[in-house]
Amino acid sequence: MIALAIMSANRIIGSNHHPAFKIDQDRERFRELTKDKVVIYGSHTLQTLPNKHILPHRTNIILSHNRNLDAPGAIIVSSVNELRYCLRDYEPNDVFLIGGATLFAELIDQCSAAILTIVNQELPKSPTSEFFPNLEERANWIIGRTSSIHFYDGYQFVYQQYTNLDFRKHHGSSPKKT
């Protein structure tokens, strides 16, 4: 499983269940990386998707305590154990964890890699700010490739890949190359 997110320089991915950034280049890259793959997210992330519908051309797995969640075409799981069972039929490098903050915090160390879009802007912190885990504070995560600086609509950002050394040690799998 690979974590995939866009965040500010101070790791904010959203606030009050709304994404922090909408950058067309990043959205296109997201589509390319996840098309015909598996995406995992929570019910709050579902509410941020266009028309609050699942993503087309992907297997959508939603981790939610609400078994009656209205998400036609999605696989709904209610626990991490159920999610693990569901994922047994998929190649780990074809599975993307796309949010939100609660799932990133709970599942990040089960990911082989994290592919991040980091916007060179610090956002103000508030009680509703949602954060991506700080991988630089975790001994098992190392920075891999970092792209050149991209520019879009006044934003400067880079793509950065992290590798989870513990995952590779225990599973012998290499993260997807981007």
N, C-alpha and C. Protein backbone atom coordinates (compact mmCIF):
# COMPACT_ATOMS: atom_id res chain seq x y z
N MET A 1 0.86 -1.17 0.00
CA MET A 1 0.00 0.00 0.00
C MET A 1 0.91 1.23 0.00
N ILE A 2 0.49 2.23 -0.74
CA ILE A 2 1.25 3.47 -0.89
C ILE A 2 0.35 4.64 -0.47
N ALA A 3 0.86 5.46 0.45
CA ALA A 3 0.13 6.67 0.85
C ALA A 3 0.33 7.74 -0.22
N LEU A 4 -0.73 8.45 -0.54
CA LEU A 4 -0.69 9.47 -1.59
C LEU A 4 -1.44 10.69 -1.08
N ALA A 5 -0.73 11.84 -0.99
CA ALA A 5 -1.37 13.03 -0.43
C ALA A 5 -0.72 14.30 -0.95
N ILE A 6 -1.47 15.39 -0.83
CA ILE A 6 -0.96 16.74 -1.07
C ILE A 6 -1.06 17.47 0.26
N MET A 7 0.02 18.22 0.60
CA MET A 7 0.02 18.88 1.90
C MET A 7 0.83 20.17 1.84
N SER A 8 0.62 20.99 2.86
CA SER A 8 1.38 22.23 2.99
C SER A 8 2.75 21.92 3.57
N ALA A 9 3.62 22.92 3.61
CA ALA A 9 4.95 22.75 4.19
C ALA A 9 4.88 22.35 5.66
N ASN A 10 3.81 22.73 6.35
CA ASN A 10 3.64 22.33 7.75
C ASN A 10 2.66 21.14 7.89
N ARG A 11 2.57 20.34 6.83
CA ARG A 11 1.89 19.03 6.80
C ARG A 11 0.36 19.09 6.89
N ILE A 12 -0.25 20.24 6.67
CA ILE A 12 -1.71 20.32 6.70
C ILE A 12 -2.25 19.80 5.37
N ILE A 13 -3.15 18.82 5.46
CA ILE A 13 -3.78 18.26 4.26
C ILE A 13 -5.19 18.80 4.06
N GLY A 14 -5.75 19.38 5.10
CA GLY A 14 -7.09 19.92 4.99
C GLY A 14 -7.52 20.56 6.29
N SER A 15 -8.73 21.07 6.25
CA SER A 15 -9.32 21.67 7.43
C SER A 15 -10.82 21.48 7.36
N ASN A 16 -11.39 21.02 8.46
CA ASN A 16 -12.83 20.81 8.53
C ASN A 16 -13.33 19.94 7.37
N HIS A 17 -12.55 18.91 7.06
CA HIS A 17 -12.88 17.93 6.01
C HIS A 17 -12.91 18.53 4.60
N HIS A 18 -12.12 19.58 4.39
CA HIS A 18 -11.96 20.15 3.05
C HIS A 18 -10.48 20.13 2.71
N PRO A 19 -10.13 19.71 1.49
CA PRO A 19 -8.71 19.65 1.13
C PRO A 19 -8.05 21.03 1.18
N ALA A 20 -6.78 21.04 1.54
CA ALA A 20 -6.05 22.30 1.66
C ALA A 20 -5.76 22.91 0.29
N PHE A 21 -5.57 22.07 -0.73
CA PHE A 21 -5.17 22.57 -2.05
C PHE A 21 -5.92 21.84 -3.15
N LYS A 22 -6.16 22.57 -4.22
CA LYS A 22 -6.71 21.99 -5.45
C LYS A 22 -5.81 22.49 -6.59
N ILE A 23 -4.87 21.65 -6.95
CA ILE A 23 -3.90 22.01 -7.99
C ILE A 23 -4.09 21.04 -9.16
N ASP A 24 -4.46 21.59 -10.31
CA ASP A 24 -4.79 20.75 -11.47
C ASP A 24 -3.69 19.77 -11.83
N GLN A 25 -2.42 20.20 -11.82
CA GLN A 25 -1.30 19.31 -12.15
C GLN A 25 -1.28 18.12 -11.19
N ASP A 26 -1.50 18.39 -9.91
CA ASP A 26 -1.50 17.32 -8.92
C ASP A 26 -2.67 16.38 -9.13
N ARG A 27 -3.82 16.94 -9.44
CA ARG A 27 -5.00 16.08 -9.68
C ARG A 27 -4.77 15.17 -10.88
N GLU A 28 -4.13 15.69 -11.93
CA GLU A 28 -3.84 14.87 -13.11
C GLU A 28 -2.85 13.76 -12.75
N ARG A 29 -1.87 14.09 -11.98
CA ARG A 29 -0.90 13.08 -11.54
C ARG A 29 -1.59 12.02 -10.68
N PHE A 30 -2.48 12.45 -9.80
CA PHE A 30 -3.27 11.52 -8.98
C PHE A 30 -4.05 10.56 -9.87
N ARG A 31 -4.71 11.11 -10.88
CA ARG A 31 -5.49 10.26 -11.81
C ARG A 31 -4.59 9.24 -12.49
N GLU A 32 -3.43 9.68 -12.96
CA GLU A 32 -2.51 8.77 -13.64
C GLU A 32 -2.01 7.67 -12.72
N LEU A 33 -1.65 8.02 -11.48
CA LEU A 33 -1.12 7.04 -10.54
C LEU A 33 -2.17 6.02 -10.09
N THR A 34 -3.42 6.47 -9.95
CA THR A 34 -4.44 5.60 -9.34
C THR A 34 -5.41 4.96 -10.32
N LYS A 35 -5.38 5.35 -11.58
CA LYS A 35 -6.33 4.79 -12.55
C LYS A 35 -6.16 3.27 -12.63
N ASP A 36 -7.28 2.57 -12.58
CA ASP A 36 -7.34 1.11 -12.62
C ASP A 36 -6.64 0.46 -11.43
N LYS A 37 -6.49 1.19 -10.34
CA LYS A 37 -5.87 0.69 -9.11
C LYS A 37 -6.91 0.70 -7.99
N VAL A 38 -6.46 0.44 -6.79
CA VAL A 38 -7.32 0.44 -5.61
C VAL A 38 -7.04 1.70 -4.81
N VAL A 39 -8.09 2.41 -4.40
CA VAL A 39 -7.94 3.56 -3.52
C VAL A 39 -8.70 3.30 -2.22
N ILE A 40 -8.06 3.63 -1.12
CA ILE A 40 -8.65 3.44 0.20
C ILE A 40 -8.80 4.81 0.84
N TYR A 41 -9.97 5.05 1.40
CA TYR A 41 -10.20 6.33 2.08
C TYR A 41 -11.35 6.19 3.05
N GLY A 42 -11.53 7.21 3.86
CA GLY A 42 -12.60 7.23 4.85
C GLY A 42 -13.83 7.95 4.33
N SER A 43 -14.90 7.91 5.12
CA SER A 43 -16.16 8.50 4.70
C SER A 43 -16.08 10.02 4.59
N HIS A 44 -15.23 10.68 5.40
CA HIS A 44 -15.10 12.13 5.27
C HIS A 44 -14.42 12.49 3.95
N THR A 45 -13.46 11.70 3.52
CA THR A 45 -12.81 11.94 2.23
C THR A 45 -13.82 11.76 1.10
N LEU A 46 -14.71 10.78 1.22
CA LEU A 46 -15.76 10.59 0.22
C LEU A 46 -16.56 11.88 0.03
N GLN A 47 -16.82 12.58 1.12
CA GLN A 47 -17.61 13.82 1.05
C GLN A 47 -16.88 14.94 0.30
N THR A 48 -15.55 14.82 0.13
CA THR A 48 -14.78 15.85 -0.57
C THR A 48 -14.64 15.55 -2.06
N LEU A 49 -15.03 14.36 -2.49
CA LEU A 49 -14.88 13.98 -3.89
C LEU A 49 -15.95 14.64 -4.74
N PRO A 50 -15.68 14.82 -6.03
CA PRO A 50 -16.68 15.46 -6.91
C PRO A 50 -18.04 14.77 -6.80
N ASN A 51 -19.05 15.56 -6.54
CA ASN A 51 -20.43 15.10 -6.38
C ASN A 51 -20.59 14.06 -5.27
N LYS A 52 -19.57 13.95 -4.39
CA LYS A 52 -19.60 13.00 -3.28
C LYS A 52 -19.79 11.57 -3.76
N HIS A 53 -19.24 11.28 -4.95
CA HIS A 53 -19.32 9.94 -5.54
C HIS A 53 -17.94 9.29 -5.51
N ILE A 54 -17.93 7.97 -5.58
CA ILE A 54 -16.66 7.25 -5.62
C ILE A 54 -15.90 7.63 -6.89
N LEU A 55 -14.61 7.36 -6.88
CA LEU A 55 -13.76 7.71 -8.01
C LEU A 55 -13.92 6.68 -9.13
N PRO A 56 -14.16 7.12 -10.36
CA PRO A 56 -14.33 6.18 -11.47
C PRO A 56 -13.00 5.52 -11.85
N HIS A 57 -13.10 4.38 -12.47
CA HIS A 57 -11.95 3.64 -13.00
C HIS A 57 -10.98 3.21 -11.91
N ARG A 58 -11.51 2.95 -10.72
CA ARG A 58 -10.71 2.49 -9.59
C ARG A 58 -11.58 1.58 -8.75
N THR A 59 -10.94 0.69 -8.02
CA THR A 59 -11.64 -0.05 -6.98
C THR A 59 -11.60 0.83 -5.74
N ASN A 60 -12.76 1.25 -5.27
CA ASN A 60 -12.87 2.16 -4.12
C ASN A 60 -13.20 1.35 -2.87
N ILE A 61 -12.33 1.45 -1.88
CA ILE A 61 -12.58 0.80 -0.59
C ILE A 61 -12.68 1.91 0.45
N ILE A 62 -13.80 1.95 1.15
CA ILE A 62 -14.04 2.99 2.14
C ILE A 62 -14.07 2.34 3.52
N LEU A 63 -13.19 2.83 4.39
CA LEU A 63 -13.15 2.36 5.78
C LEU A 63 -14.04 3.29 6.59
N SER A 64 -15.15 2.74 7.08
CA SER A 64 -16.12 3.55 7.81
C SER A 64 -16.85 2.69 8.83
N HIS A 65 -17.18 3.30 9.94
CA HIS A 65 -17.98 2.59 10.94
C HIS A 65 -19.44 2.50 10.52
N ASN A 66 -19.83 3.29 9.53
CA ASN A 66 -21.20 3.32 9.03
C ASN A 66 -21.37 2.28 7.93
N ARG A 67 -21.87 1.11 8.28
CA ARG A 67 -22.08 0.03 7.32
C ARG A 67 -23.13 0.39 6.26
N ASN A 68 -23.97 1.36 6.55
CA ASN A 68 -25.02 1.76 5.62
C ASN A 68 -24.63 2.98 4.80
N LEU A 69 -23.35 3.25 4.72
CA LEU A 69 -22.86 4.39 3.96
C LEU A 69 -23.35 4.30 2.52
N ASP A 70 -23.85 5.43 2.00
CA ASP A 70 -24.36 5.47 0.64
C ASP A 70 -23.21 5.76 -0.32
N ALA A 71 -22.63 4.69 -0.88
CA ALA A 71 -21.51 4.82 -1.81
C ALA A 71 -21.61 3.69 -2.83
N PRO A 72 -22.59 3.78 -3.74
CA PRO A 72 -22.77 2.70 -4.71
C PRO A 72 -21.49 2.41 -5.49
N GLY A 73 -21.16 1.13 -5.57
CA GLY A 73 -19.98 0.69 -6.30
C GLY A 73 -18.74 0.57 -5.45
N ALA A 74 -18.79 1.04 -4.21
CA ALA A 74 -17.64 0.95 -3.31
C ALA A 74 -17.72 -0.29 -2.45
N ILE A 75 -16.58 -0.73 -2.01
CA ILE A 75 -16.50 -1.79 -0.99
C ILE A 75 -16.39 -1.06 0.34
N ILE A 76 -17.30 -1.35 1.26
CA ILE A 76 -17.30 -0.71 2.58
C ILE A 76 -16.76 -1.71 3.59
N VAL A 77 -15.72 -1.30 4.32
CA VAL A 77 -15.19 -2.13 5.40
C VAL A 77 -15.25 -1.33 6.69
N SER A 78 -15.40 -2.03 7.80
CA SER A 78 -15.60 -1.30 9.06
C SER A 78 -14.44 -1.45 10.04
N SER A 79 -13.38 -2.13 9.65
CA SER A 79 -12.24 -2.27 10.55
C SER A 79 -10.96 -2.46 9.73
N VAL A 80 -9.84 -2.23 10.39
CA VAL A 80 -8.55 -2.43 9.73
C VAL A 80 -8.37 -3.91 9.41
N ASN A 81 -8.82 -4.79 10.28
CA ASN A 81 -8.71 -6.23 9.99
C ASN A 81 -9.52 -6.61 8.76
N GLU A 82 -10.70 -6.06 8.64
CA GLU A 82 -11.53 -6.33 7.46
C GLU A 82 -10.86 -5.75 6.20
N LEU A 83 -10.24 -4.60 6.34
CA LEU A 83 -9.51 -4.00 5.23
C LEU A 83 -8.37 -4.91 4.79
N ARG A 84 -7.58 -5.39 5.75
CA ARG A 84 -6.47 -6.30 5.42
C ARG A 84 -6.98 -7.53 4.67
N TYR A 85 -8.07 -8.10 5.15
CA TYR A 85 -8.65 -9.27 4.49
C TYR A 85 -9.05 -8.93 3.05
N CYS A 86 -9.66 -7.79 2.87
CA CYS A 86 -10.11 -7.34 1.56
C CYS A 86 -8.93 -7.13 0.60
N LEU A 87 -7.80 -6.66 1.13
CA LEU A 87 -6.64 -6.33 0.29
C LEU A 87 -5.81 -7.54 -0.11
N ARG A 88 -6.10 -8.70 0.44
CA ARG A 88 -5.27 -9.88 0.16
C ARG A 88 -5.23 -10.24 -1.32
N ASP A 89 -6.22 -9.84 -2.09
CA ASP A 89 -6.29 -10.18 -3.52
C ASP A 89 -5.63 -9.14 -4.42
N TYR A 90 -5.05 -8.10 -3.85
CA TYR A 90 -4.48 -7.02 -4.66
C TYR A 90 -2.97 -6.93 -4.45
N GLU A 91 -2.28 -6.54 -5.50
CA GLU A 91 -0.84 -6.27 -5.40
C GLU A 91 -0.64 -5.03 -4.53
N PRO A 92 0.25 -5.08 -3.53
CA PRO A 92 0.43 -3.93 -2.65
C PRO A 92 0.77 -2.63 -3.38
N ASN A 93 1.52 -2.69 -4.47
CA ASN A 93 1.87 -1.48 -5.20
C ASN A 93 0.74 -0.95 -6.06
N ASP A 94 -0.39 -1.65 -6.08
CA ASP A 94 -1.58 -1.19 -6.80
C ASP A 94 -2.63 -0.63 -5.84
N VAL A 95 -2.26 -0.47 -4.58
CA VAL A 95 -3.19 -0.01 -3.55
C VAL A 95 -2.69 1.32 -3.01
N PHE A 96 -3.58 2.34 -3.05
CA PHE A 96 -3.22 3.69 -2.60
C PHE A 96 -4.13 4.12 -1.46
N LEU A 97 -3.52 4.55 -0.38
CA LEU A 97 -4.22 5.14 0.76
C LEU A 97 -4.27 6.64 0.49
N ILE A 98 -5.49 7.20 0.33
CA ILE A 98 -5.61 8.60 -0.09
C ILE A 98 -6.25 9.50 0.97
N GLY A 99 -6.47 9.01 2.17
CA GLY A 99 -6.94 9.89 3.24
C GLY A 99 -8.18 9.38 3.93
N GLY A 100 -8.53 10.09 4.87
CA GLY A 100 -8.04 11.34 5.39
C GLY A 100 -7.05 11.17 6.51
N ALA A 101 -6.95 12.22 7.30
CA ALA A 101 -5.93 12.32 8.33
C ALA A 101 -5.99 11.16 9.32
N THR A 102 -7.18 10.74 9.70
CA THR A 102 -7.32 9.64 10.66
C THR A 102 -6.76 8.35 10.08
N LEU A 103 -7.07 8.07 8.83
CA LEU A 103 -6.56 6.84 8.21
C LEU A 103 -5.06 6.92 7.97
N PHE A 104 -4.56 8.09 7.56
CA PHE A 104 -3.11 8.23 7.41
C PHE A 104 -2.42 7.93 8.74
N ALA A 105 -2.92 8.50 9.82
CA ALA A 105 -2.31 8.30 11.14
C ALA A 105 -2.35 6.82 11.54
N GLU A 106 -3.45 6.16 11.25
CA GLU A 106 -3.63 4.76 11.67
C GLU A 106 -2.88 3.77 10.79
N LEU A 107 -2.76 4.07 9.50
CA LEU A 107 -2.25 3.06 8.55
C LEU A 107 -0.89 3.38 7.94
N ILE A 108 -0.30 4.53 8.24
CA ILE A 108 0.91 4.94 7.53
C ILE A 108 2.03 3.91 7.64
N ASP A 109 2.21 3.28 8.77
CA ASP A 109 3.31 2.33 8.90
C ASP A 109 3.01 0.98 8.25
N GLN A 110 1.81 0.82 7.71
CA GLN A 110 1.50 -0.36 6.91
C GLN A 110 1.72 -0.09 5.42
N CYS A 111 2.17 1.12 5.10
CA CYS A 111 2.45 1.50 3.72
C CYS A 111 3.93 1.24 3.41
N SER A 112 4.21 0.85 2.19
CA SER A 112 5.60 0.65 1.75
C SER A 112 6.24 1.98 1.38
N ALA A 113 5.42 2.94 0.98
CA ALA A 113 5.94 4.22 0.52
C ALA A 113 4.87 5.29 0.70
N ALA A 114 5.34 6.52 0.63
CA ALA A 114 4.43 7.68 0.61
C ALA A 114 4.87 8.56 -0.54
N ILE A 115 3.92 8.91 -1.39
CA ILE A 115 4.17 9.81 -2.51
C ILE A 115 3.42 11.09 -2.18
N LEU A 116 4.19 12.15 -1.93
CA LEU A 116 3.60 13.39 -1.43
C LEU A 116 3.82 14.54 -2.40
N THR A 117 2.82 15.38 -2.50
CA THR A 117 2.96 16.67 -3.15
C THR A 117 3.06 17.67 -2.01
N ILE A 118 4.20 18.35 -1.93
CA ILE A 118 4.43 19.29 -0.83
C ILE A 118 4.44 20.70 -1.39
N VAL A 119 3.44 21.47 -0.98
CA VAL A 119 3.29 22.85 -1.43
C VAL A 119 4.13 23.74 -0.52
N ASN A 120 4.95 24.58 -1.12
CA ASN A 120 5.86 25.44 -0.37
C ASN A 120 5.10 26.63 0.22
N GLN A 121 4.21 26.30 1.13
CA GLN A 121 3.40 27.32 1.80
C GLN A 121 2.98 26.75 3.15
N GLU A 122 3.17 27.53 4.19
CA GLU A 122 2.68 27.12 5.50
C GLU A 122 1.28 27.67 5.66
N LEU A 123 0.38 26.83 6.10
CA LEU A 123 -1.00 27.25 6.33
C LEU A 123 -1.20 27.51 7.82
N PRO A 124 -2.09 28.43 8.16
CA PRO A 124 -2.35 28.66 9.59
C PRO A 124 -3.00 27.43 10.21
N LYS A 125 -2.54 27.09 11.40
CA LYS A 125 -3.12 25.95 12.12
C LYS A 125 -4.37 26.41 12.83
N SER A 126 -5.36 25.52 12.84
CA SER A 126 -6.61 25.80 13.55
C SER A 126 -7.07 24.51 14.23
N PRO A 127 -8.08 24.60 15.08
CA PRO A 127 -8.58 23.38 15.73
C PRO A 127 -9.11 22.34 14.73
N THR A 128 -9.47 22.78 13.52
CA THR A 128 -10.00 21.84 12.53
C THR A 128 -8.95 21.40 11.51
N SER A 129 -7.68 21.82 11.68
CA SER A 129 -6.62 21.42 10.76
C SER A 129 -6.41 19.91 10.82
N GLU A 130 -6.18 19.34 9.65
CA GLU A 130 -5.94 17.90 9.53
C GLU A 130 -4.53 17.73 8.97
N PHE A 131 -3.74 16.86 9.59
CA PHE A 131 -2.33 16.74 9.28
C PHE A 131 -1.97 15.37 8.71
N PHE A 132 -0.94 15.38 7.87
CA PHE A 132 -0.31 14.14 7.43
C PHE A 132 0.75 13.80 8.47
N PRO A 133 0.96 12.52 8.77
CA PRO A 133 1.98 12.17 9.78
C PRO A 133 3.35 12.73 9.40
N ASN A 134 4.14 13.08 10.39
CA ASN A 134 5.47 13.61 10.17
C ASN A 134 6.44 12.44 9.98
N LEU A 135 6.72 12.10 8.73
CA LEU A 135 7.58 10.96 8.43
C LEU A 135 9.03 11.23 8.78
N GLU A 136 9.42 12.48 8.80
CA GLU A 136 10.81 12.81 9.13
C GLU A 136 11.13 12.53 10.59
N GLU A 137 10.12 12.40 11.43
CA GLU A 137 10.33 12.08 12.84
C GLU A 137 10.30 10.58 13.09
N ARG A 138 10.07 9.79 12.07
CA ARG A 138 9.98 8.34 12.22
C ARG A 138 11.24 7.70 11.66
N ALA A 139 11.92 6.93 12.48
CA ALA A 139 13.20 6.33 12.08
C ALA A 139 13.05 5.37 10.91
N ASN A 140 11.88 4.79 10.73
CA ASN A 140 11.69 3.79 9.67
C ASN A 140 11.39 4.40 8.30
N TRP A 141 11.22 5.70 8.21
CA TRP A 141 10.91 6.36 6.93
C TRP A 141 12.11 7.19 6.46
N ILE A 142 12.47 7.03 5.19
CA ILE A 142 13.55 7.84 4.62
C ILE A 142 13.05 8.53 3.36
N ILE A 143 13.63 9.69 3.08
CA ILE A 143 13.28 10.43 1.87
C ILE A 143 13.97 9.78 0.69
N GLY A 144 13.21 9.57 -0.36
CA GLY A 144 13.76 9.05 -1.61
C GLY A 144 13.91 10.19 -2.59
N ARG A 145 13.27 10.04 -3.71
CA ARG A 145 13.36 11.07 -4.76
C ARG A 145 12.54 12.31 -4.42
N THR A 146 13.08 13.45 -4.86
CA THR A 146 12.36 14.70 -4.81
C THR A 146 12.43 15.32 -6.20
N SER A 147 11.30 15.74 -6.71
CA SER A 147 11.24 16.33 -8.06
C SER A 147 11.82 17.74 -8.05
N SER A 148 11.96 18.28 -9.23
CA SER A 148 12.27 19.69 -9.34
C SER A 148 11.03 20.48 -8.90
N ILE A 149 11.19 21.78 -8.72
CA ILE A 149 10.07 22.62 -8.28
C ILE A 149 9.10 22.83 -9.44
N HIS A 150 7.82 22.65 -9.15
CA HIS A 150 6.76 22.89 -10.12
C HIS A 150 6.03 24.17 -9.70
N PHE A 151 5.44 24.84 -10.68
CA PHE A 151 4.70 26.07 -10.42
C PHE A 151 3.31 25.95 -11.00
N TYR A 152 2.30 26.40 -10.25
CA TYR A 152 0.93 26.40 -10.76
C TYR A 152 0.14 27.45 -10.00
N ASP A 153 -0.44 28.38 -10.71
CA ASP A 153 -1.38 29.35 -10.15
C ASP A 153 -0.87 29.99 -8.84
N GLY A 154 0.40 30.38 -8.85
CA GLY A 154 0.97 31.02 -7.67
C GLY A 154 1.53 30.06 -6.64
N TYR A 155 1.34 28.76 -6.82
CA TYR A 155 1.88 27.77 -5.90
C TYR A 155 3.22 27.24 -6.41
N GLN A 156 4.12 26.96 -5.48
CA GLN A 156 5.34 26.23 -5.77
C GLN A 156 5.22 24.90 -5.02
N PHE A 157 5.54 23.80 -5.69
CA PHE A 157 5.44 22.50 -5.03
C PHE A 157 6.43 21.51 -5.62
N VAL A 158 6.70 20.47 -4.83
CA VAL A 158 7.54 19.37 -5.28
C VAL A 158 6.81 18.07 -5.02
N TYR A 159 7.20 17.05 -5.77
CA TYR A 159 6.76 15.69 -5.50
C TYR A 159 7.89 15.02 -4.74
N GLN A 160 7.55 14.39 -3.64
CA GLN A 160 8.59 13.75 -2.82
C GLN A 160 8.13 12.35 -2.45
N GLN A 161 9.05 11.40 -2.57
CA GLN A 161 8.72 10.02 -2.22
C GLN A 161 9.52 9.60 -0.99
N TYR A 162 8.84 8.96 -0.07
CA TYR A 162 9.44 8.39 1.13
C TYR A 162 9.32 6.87 1.03
N THR A 163 10.26 6.18 1.65
CA THR A 163 10.23 4.72 1.70
C THR A 163 10.19 4.28 3.16
N ASN A 164 9.36 3.31 3.45
CA ASN A 164 9.24 2.73 4.78
C ASN A 164 10.20 1.55 4.87
N LEU A 165 11.32 1.73 5.56
CA LEU A 165 12.33 0.67 5.67
C LEU A 165 11.82 -0.55 6.41
N ASP A 166 10.97 -0.34 7.40
CA ASP A 166 10.41 -1.48 8.14
C ASP A 166 9.54 -2.35 7.24
N PHE A 167 8.80 -1.72 6.34
CA PHE A 167 7.95 -2.49 5.43
C PHE A 167 8.81 -3.39 4.56
N ARG A 168 9.86 -2.83 3.99
CA ARG A 168 10.74 -3.60 3.11
C ARG A 168 11.41 -4.73 3.88
N LYS A 169 11.81 -4.45 5.12
CA LYS A 169 12.48 -5.45 5.95
C LYS A 169 11.53 -6.63 6.23
N HIS A 170 10.27 -6.34 6.51
CA HIS A 170 9.32 -7.39 6.89
C HIS A 170 8.61 -8.03 5.71
N HIS A 171 8.51 -7.30 4.59
CA HIS A 171 7.74 -7.81 3.46
C HIS A 171 8.58 -8.06 2.22
N GLY A 172 9.81 -7.56 2.19
CA GLY A 172 10.69 -7.79 1.05
C GLY A 172 10.22 -7.16 -0.23
N SER A 173 9.37 -6.17 -0.15
CA SER A 173 8.78 -5.55 -1.34
C SER A 173 9.34 -4.15 -1.52
N SER A 174 9.55 -3.78 -2.76
CA SER A 174 10.02 -2.43 -3.05
C SER A 174 8.85 -1.54 -3.40
N PRO A 175 8.91 -0.27 -3.01
CA PRO A 175 7.81 0.63 -3.36
C PRO A 175 7.81 0.92 -4.86
N LYS A 176 6.66 1.36 -5.33
CA LYS A 176 6.48 1.71 -6.73
C LYS A 176 7.38 2.88 -7.11
N LYS A 177 7.96 2.81 -8.28
CA LYS A 177 8.77 3.92 -8.78
C LYS A 177 7.86 4.92 -9.48
N THR A 178 8.10 6.21 -9.23
CA THR A 178 7.29 7.25 -9.87
C THR A 178 8.17 8.17 -10.66
